């Protein structure tokens, strides 16, 4: 995994990727691989990361335009055309 070569020992990776609902896979051409959260966890662990946390983040789009306080995270995946469900990945490279 190229990410591993960019992060120092003990360093953190923090990123997000779409959850693999069919709509996310079809609609986002910028992602070559859209994996299930369990597979992301396995991949990071196999590549020398520890304390790998993959958690759900779902947002209600456009509410932040009304008020920034409405831009909250729903901590589970919700399929739907009007929602944005992603996986937050936090992992520490082994020392």
N, C-alpha and C. Protein backbone atom coordinates (compact mmCIF):
# COMPACT_ATOMS: atom_id res chain seq x y z
N UNK A 1 0.86 -1.17 0.00
CA UNK A 1 0.00 0.00 0.00
C UNK A 1 0.90 1.23 0.00
N UNK A 2 0.74 2.12 -0.96
CA UNK A 2 1.59 3.31 -1.09
C UNK A 2 1.46 4.24 0.11
N UNK A 3 0.32 4.25 0.76
CA UNK A 3 0.12 5.12 1.92
C UNK A 3 1.15 4.80 3.00
N UNK A 4 1.43 3.53 3.18
CA UNK A 4 2.36 3.10 4.22
C UNK A 4 3.74 3.71 4.03
N UNK A 5 4.18 3.87 2.79
CA UNK A 5 5.51 4.44 2.53
C UNK A 5 5.56 5.95 2.76
N UNK A 6 4.41 6.60 2.84
CA UNK A 6 4.36 8.05 3.04
C UNK A 6 4.24 8.46 4.50
N UNK A 7 3.92 7.50 5.37
CA UNK A 7 3.68 7.81 6.77
C UNK A 7 4.81 7.26 7.63
N UNK A 8 5.32 8.10 8.53
CA UNK A 8 6.39 7.67 9.44
C UNK A 8 5.85 6.65 10.43
N UNK A 9 6.77 5.88 11.02
CA UNK A 9 6.39 4.93 12.05
C UNK A 9 5.69 5.67 13.19
N UNK A 10 4.58 5.16 13.63
CA UNK A 10 3.79 5.81 14.68
C UNK A 10 2.88 6.91 14.16
N UNK A 11 2.99 7.24 12.86
CA UNK A 11 2.16 8.29 12.28
C UNK A 11 0.74 7.83 12.02
N UNK A 12 -0.15 8.80 11.83
CA UNK A 12 -1.57 8.50 11.63
C UNK A 12 -1.99 8.69 10.18
N UNK A 13 -2.88 7.83 9.74
CA UNK A 13 -3.60 8.02 8.50
C UNK A 13 -5.04 8.34 8.88
N UNK A 14 -5.59 9.40 8.32
CA UNK A 14 -6.99 9.75 8.52
C UNK A 14 -7.56 10.06 7.14
N UNK A 15 -8.58 9.32 6.75
CA UNK A 15 -9.17 9.52 5.44
C UNK A 15 -10.59 8.98 5.39
N UNK A 16 -11.24 9.19 4.27
CA UNK A 16 -12.59 8.67 4.12
C UNK A 16 -12.78 8.12 2.72
N UNK A 17 -13.74 7.24 2.59
CA UNK A 17 -14.06 6.62 1.31
C UNK A 17 -15.56 6.35 1.28
N UNK A 18 -16.16 6.35 0.11
CA UNK A 18 -17.61 6.08 0.05
C UNK A 18 -17.93 4.68 0.58
N UNK A 19 -19.08 4.56 1.21
CA UNK A 19 -19.56 3.24 1.60
C UNK A 19 -20.03 2.54 0.32
N UNK A 20 -19.83 1.22 0.20
CA UNK A 20 -20.12 0.55 -1.08
C UNK A 20 -21.59 0.26 -1.37
N UNK A 21 -22.44 1.27 -1.21
CA UNK A 21 -23.80 1.14 -1.73
C UNK A 21 -23.69 1.20 -3.25
N UNK A 22 -24.59 0.56 -3.93
CA UNK A 22 -24.54 0.55 -5.40
C UNK A 22 -24.49 1.97 -5.97
N UNK A 23 -25.26 2.89 -5.39
CA UNK A 23 -25.29 4.27 -5.91
C UNK A 23 -23.93 4.95 -5.77
N UNK A 24 -23.19 4.64 -4.70
CA UNK A 24 -21.87 5.24 -4.50
C UNK A 24 -20.86 4.71 -5.52
N UNK A 25 -20.95 3.43 -5.82
CA UNK A 25 -20.01 2.82 -6.76
C UNK A 25 -20.25 3.35 -8.16
N UNK A 26 -21.49 3.44 -8.56
CA UNK A 26 -21.83 3.88 -9.91
C UNK A 26 -21.60 5.38 -10.10
N UNK A 27 -21.91 6.18 -9.10
CA UNK A 27 -21.92 7.63 -9.28
C UNK A 27 -20.58 8.31 -9.10
N UNK A 28 -19.60 7.65 -8.50
CA UNK A 28 -18.32 8.32 -8.23
C UNK A 28 -17.19 7.66 -9.01
N UNK A 29 -16.84 8.25 -10.14
CA UNK A 29 -15.80 7.70 -11.00
C UNK A 29 -14.40 7.96 -10.47
N UNK A 30 -14.26 8.78 -9.43
CA UNK A 30 -12.92 9.10 -8.90
C UNK A 30 -12.38 8.00 -8.00
N UNK A 31 -13.22 7.07 -7.60
CA UNK A 31 -12.78 5.98 -6.73
C UNK A 31 -12.65 4.69 -7.54
N UNK A 32 -11.43 4.17 -7.63
CA UNK A 32 -11.20 2.93 -8.36
C UNK A 32 -11.71 1.73 -7.59
N UNK A 33 -11.58 1.77 -6.27
CA UNK A 33 -12.01 0.68 -5.41
C UNK A 33 -12.89 1.24 -4.30
N UNK A 34 -14.07 0.68 -4.16
CA UNK A 34 -14.95 1.04 -3.06
C UNK A 34 -15.17 -0.25 -2.28
N UNK A 35 -14.46 -0.37 -1.16
CA UNK A 35 -14.48 -1.59 -0.37
C UNK A 35 -15.42 -1.48 0.82
N UNK A 36 -15.84 -2.63 1.31
CA UNK A 36 -16.62 -2.68 2.54
C UNK A 36 -15.70 -2.31 3.71
N UNK A 37 -16.20 -1.67 4.76
CA UNK A 37 -15.36 -1.25 5.89
C UNK A 37 -14.51 -2.38 6.49
N UNK A 38 -15.04 -3.58 6.57
CA UNK A 38 -14.25 -4.70 7.11
C UNK A 38 -13.02 -4.96 6.23
N UNK A 39 -13.19 -4.84 4.92
CA UNK A 39 -12.06 -5.07 4.01
C UNK A 39 -11.03 -3.95 4.11
N UNK A 40 -11.46 -2.71 4.32
CA UNK A 40 -10.50 -1.62 4.54
C UNK A 40 -9.67 -1.90 5.79
N UNK A 41 -10.33 -2.34 6.85
CA UNK A 41 -9.63 -2.65 8.10
C UNK A 41 -8.59 -3.74 7.87
N UNK A 42 -8.98 -4.81 7.21
CA UNK A 42 -8.04 -5.92 6.91
C UNK A 42 -6.87 -5.44 6.07
N UNK A 43 -7.14 -4.62 5.08
CA UNK A 43 -6.09 -4.13 4.19
C UNK A 43 -5.07 -3.28 4.94
N UNK A 44 -5.55 -2.37 5.78
CA UNK A 44 -4.64 -1.53 6.55
C UNK A 44 -3.82 -2.36 7.54
N UNK A 45 -4.44 -3.33 8.18
CA UNK A 45 -3.70 -4.19 9.12
C UNK A 45 -2.65 -5.01 8.39
N UNK A 46 -2.98 -5.52 7.22
CA UNK A 46 -2.03 -6.30 6.42
C UNK A 46 -0.84 -5.45 5.98
N UNK A 47 -1.05 -4.15 5.83
CA UNK A 47 0.00 -3.25 5.35
C UNK A 47 0.78 -2.58 6.49
N UNK A 48 0.67 -3.11 7.69
CA UNK A 48 1.50 -2.62 8.78
C UNK A 48 0.91 -1.53 9.64
N UNK A 49 -0.40 -1.41 9.64
CA UNK A 49 -1.05 -0.43 10.50
C UNK A 49 -1.70 -1.13 11.68
N UNK A 50 -1.81 -0.43 12.79
CA UNK A 50 -2.47 -0.96 13.97
C UNK A 50 -3.50 0.06 14.45
N UNK A 51 -4.29 -0.32 15.40
CA UNK A 51 -5.36 0.55 15.92
C UNK A 51 -6.20 1.09 14.77
N UNK A 52 -6.57 0.21 13.86
CA UNK A 52 -7.35 0.61 12.70
C UNK A 52 -8.82 0.72 13.10
N UNK A 53 -9.37 1.91 12.91
CA UNK A 53 -10.77 2.18 13.21
C UNK A 53 -11.46 2.61 11.91
N UNK A 54 -12.51 1.91 11.56
CA UNK A 54 -13.32 2.29 10.41
C UNK A 54 -14.73 2.52 10.93
N UNK A 55 -15.19 3.75 10.83
CA UNK A 55 -16.51 4.06 11.38
C UNK A 55 -17.41 4.74 10.35
N UNK A 56 -18.69 4.61 10.60
CA UNK A 56 -19.70 5.16 9.68
C UNK A 56 -19.84 6.66 9.87
N UNK A 57 -20.05 7.33 8.76
CA UNK A 57 -20.37 8.76 8.79
C UNK A 57 -21.44 8.99 7.72
N UNK A 58 -22.59 9.44 8.14
CA UNK A 58 -23.64 9.80 7.19
C UNK A 58 -24.02 11.26 7.45
N UNK A 59 -24.15 11.99 6.37
CA UNK A 59 -24.48 13.41 6.45
C UNK A 59 -25.78 13.68 5.72
N UNK A 60 -26.52 14.64 6.21
CA UNK A 60 -27.69 15.13 5.51
C UNK A 60 -27.23 16.31 4.65
N UNK A 61 -27.20 16.15 3.34
CA UNK A 61 -26.62 17.19 2.50
C UNK A 61 -27.40 18.50 2.54
N UNK A 62 -26.67 19.55 2.35
CA UNK A 62 -27.19 20.92 2.19
C UNK A 62 -27.72 21.58 3.46
N UNK A 63 -27.89 20.82 4.54
CA UNK A 63 -28.38 21.46 5.77
C UNK A 63 -27.36 22.46 6.32
N UNK A 64 -26.06 22.20 6.06
CA UNK A 64 -25.03 23.11 6.55
C UNK A 64 -25.19 24.50 5.95
N UNK A 65 -25.85 24.59 4.81
CA UNK A 65 -26.06 25.91 4.19
C UNK A 65 -27.06 26.74 5.00
N UNK A 66 -27.96 26.06 5.68
CA UNK A 66 -28.93 26.76 6.53
C UNK A 66 -28.25 27.21 7.81
N UNK A 67 -27.53 26.27 8.44
CA UNK A 67 -26.83 26.56 9.69
C UNK A 67 -25.72 25.52 9.87
N UNK A 68 -24.50 25.96 10.18
CA UNK A 68 -23.38 25.04 10.34
C UNK A 68 -23.62 24.01 11.44
N UNK A 69 -24.45 24.33 12.41
CA UNK A 69 -24.75 23.38 13.49
C UNK A 69 -25.56 22.19 12.98
N UNK A 70 -26.17 22.32 11.81
CA UNK A 70 -26.95 21.23 11.24
C UNK A 70 -26.08 20.25 10.45
N UNK A 71 -24.78 20.50 10.37
CA UNK A 71 -23.86 19.61 9.66
C UNK A 71 -23.30 18.56 10.62
N UNK A 72 -24.17 17.78 11.21
CA UNK A 72 -23.76 16.77 12.18
C UNK A 72 -23.59 15.42 11.50
N UNK A 73 -22.85 14.54 12.16
CA UNK A 73 -22.59 13.20 11.64
C UNK A 73 -23.58 12.23 12.27
N UNK A 74 -24.20 11.43 11.43
CA UNK A 74 -25.03 10.32 11.90
C UNK A 74 -24.12 9.10 11.93
N UNK A 75 -23.94 8.43 13.07
CA UNK A 75 -22.91 7.39 13.20
C UNK A 75 -23.30 6.00 12.69
N UNK A 76 -24.02 5.92 11.59
CA UNK A 76 -24.29 4.63 10.95
C UNK A 76 -24.58 4.90 9.48
N UNK A 77 -24.55 3.83 8.69
CA UNK A 77 -24.75 3.95 7.25
C UNK A 77 -26.24 3.93 6.93
N UNK A 78 -26.66 4.85 6.07
CA UNK A 78 -28.06 4.93 5.66
C UNK A 78 -28.09 4.97 4.13
N UNK A 79 -28.64 3.94 3.49
CA UNK A 79 -28.73 4.00 2.03
C UNK A 79 -29.82 4.98 1.62
N UNK A 80 -29.56 5.75 0.62
CA UNK A 80 -30.56 6.70 0.12
C UNK A 80 -29.93 7.71 -0.81
N UNK A 81 -30.67 8.12 -1.79
CA UNK A 81 -30.15 9.03 -2.80
C UNK A 81 -29.86 10.42 -2.25
N UNK A 82 -30.52 10.82 -1.20
CA UNK A 82 -30.33 12.17 -0.67
C UNK A 82 -29.30 12.24 0.45
N UNK A 83 -28.75 11.10 0.86
CA UNK A 83 -27.80 11.07 1.96
C UNK A 83 -26.40 10.74 1.45
N UNK A 84 -25.41 11.14 2.21
CA UNK A 84 -24.02 10.86 1.87
C UNK A 84 -23.46 9.96 2.97
N UNK A 85 -23.22 8.69 2.65
CA UNK A 85 -22.65 7.75 3.63
C UNK A 85 -21.22 7.43 3.24
N UNK A 86 -20.30 7.67 4.17
CA UNK A 86 -18.89 7.38 3.93
C UNK A 86 -18.34 6.59 5.10
N UNK A 87 -17.14 6.05 4.89
CA UNK A 87 -16.42 5.36 5.96
C UNK A 87 -15.23 6.21 6.35
N UNK A 88 -15.12 6.54 7.62
CA UNK A 88 -13.96 7.25 8.15
C UNK A 88 -12.94 6.21 8.57
N UNK A 89 -11.69 6.35 8.10
CA UNK A 89 -10.63 5.41 8.43
C UNK A 89 -9.55 6.15 9.21
N UNK A 90 -9.24 5.64 10.40
CA UNK A 90 -8.15 6.17 11.22
C UNK A 90 -7.26 4.99 11.55
N UNK A 91 -5.96 5.11 11.25
CA UNK A 91 -5.03 4.01 11.49
C UNK A 91 -3.66 4.55 11.85
N UNK A 92 -2.97 3.86 12.75
CA UNK A 92 -1.61 4.24 13.16
C UNK A 92 -0.63 3.23 12.57
N UNK A 93 0.44 3.75 11.94
CA UNK A 93 1.48 2.87 11.40
C UNK A 93 2.30 2.32 12.56
N UNK A 94 2.55 1.01 12.53
CA UNK A 94 3.31 0.37 13.60
C UNK A 94 4.69 0.97 13.74
N UNK A 95 5.18 1.01 14.99
CA UNK A 95 6.53 1.52 15.26
C UNK A 95 7.55 0.43 15.06
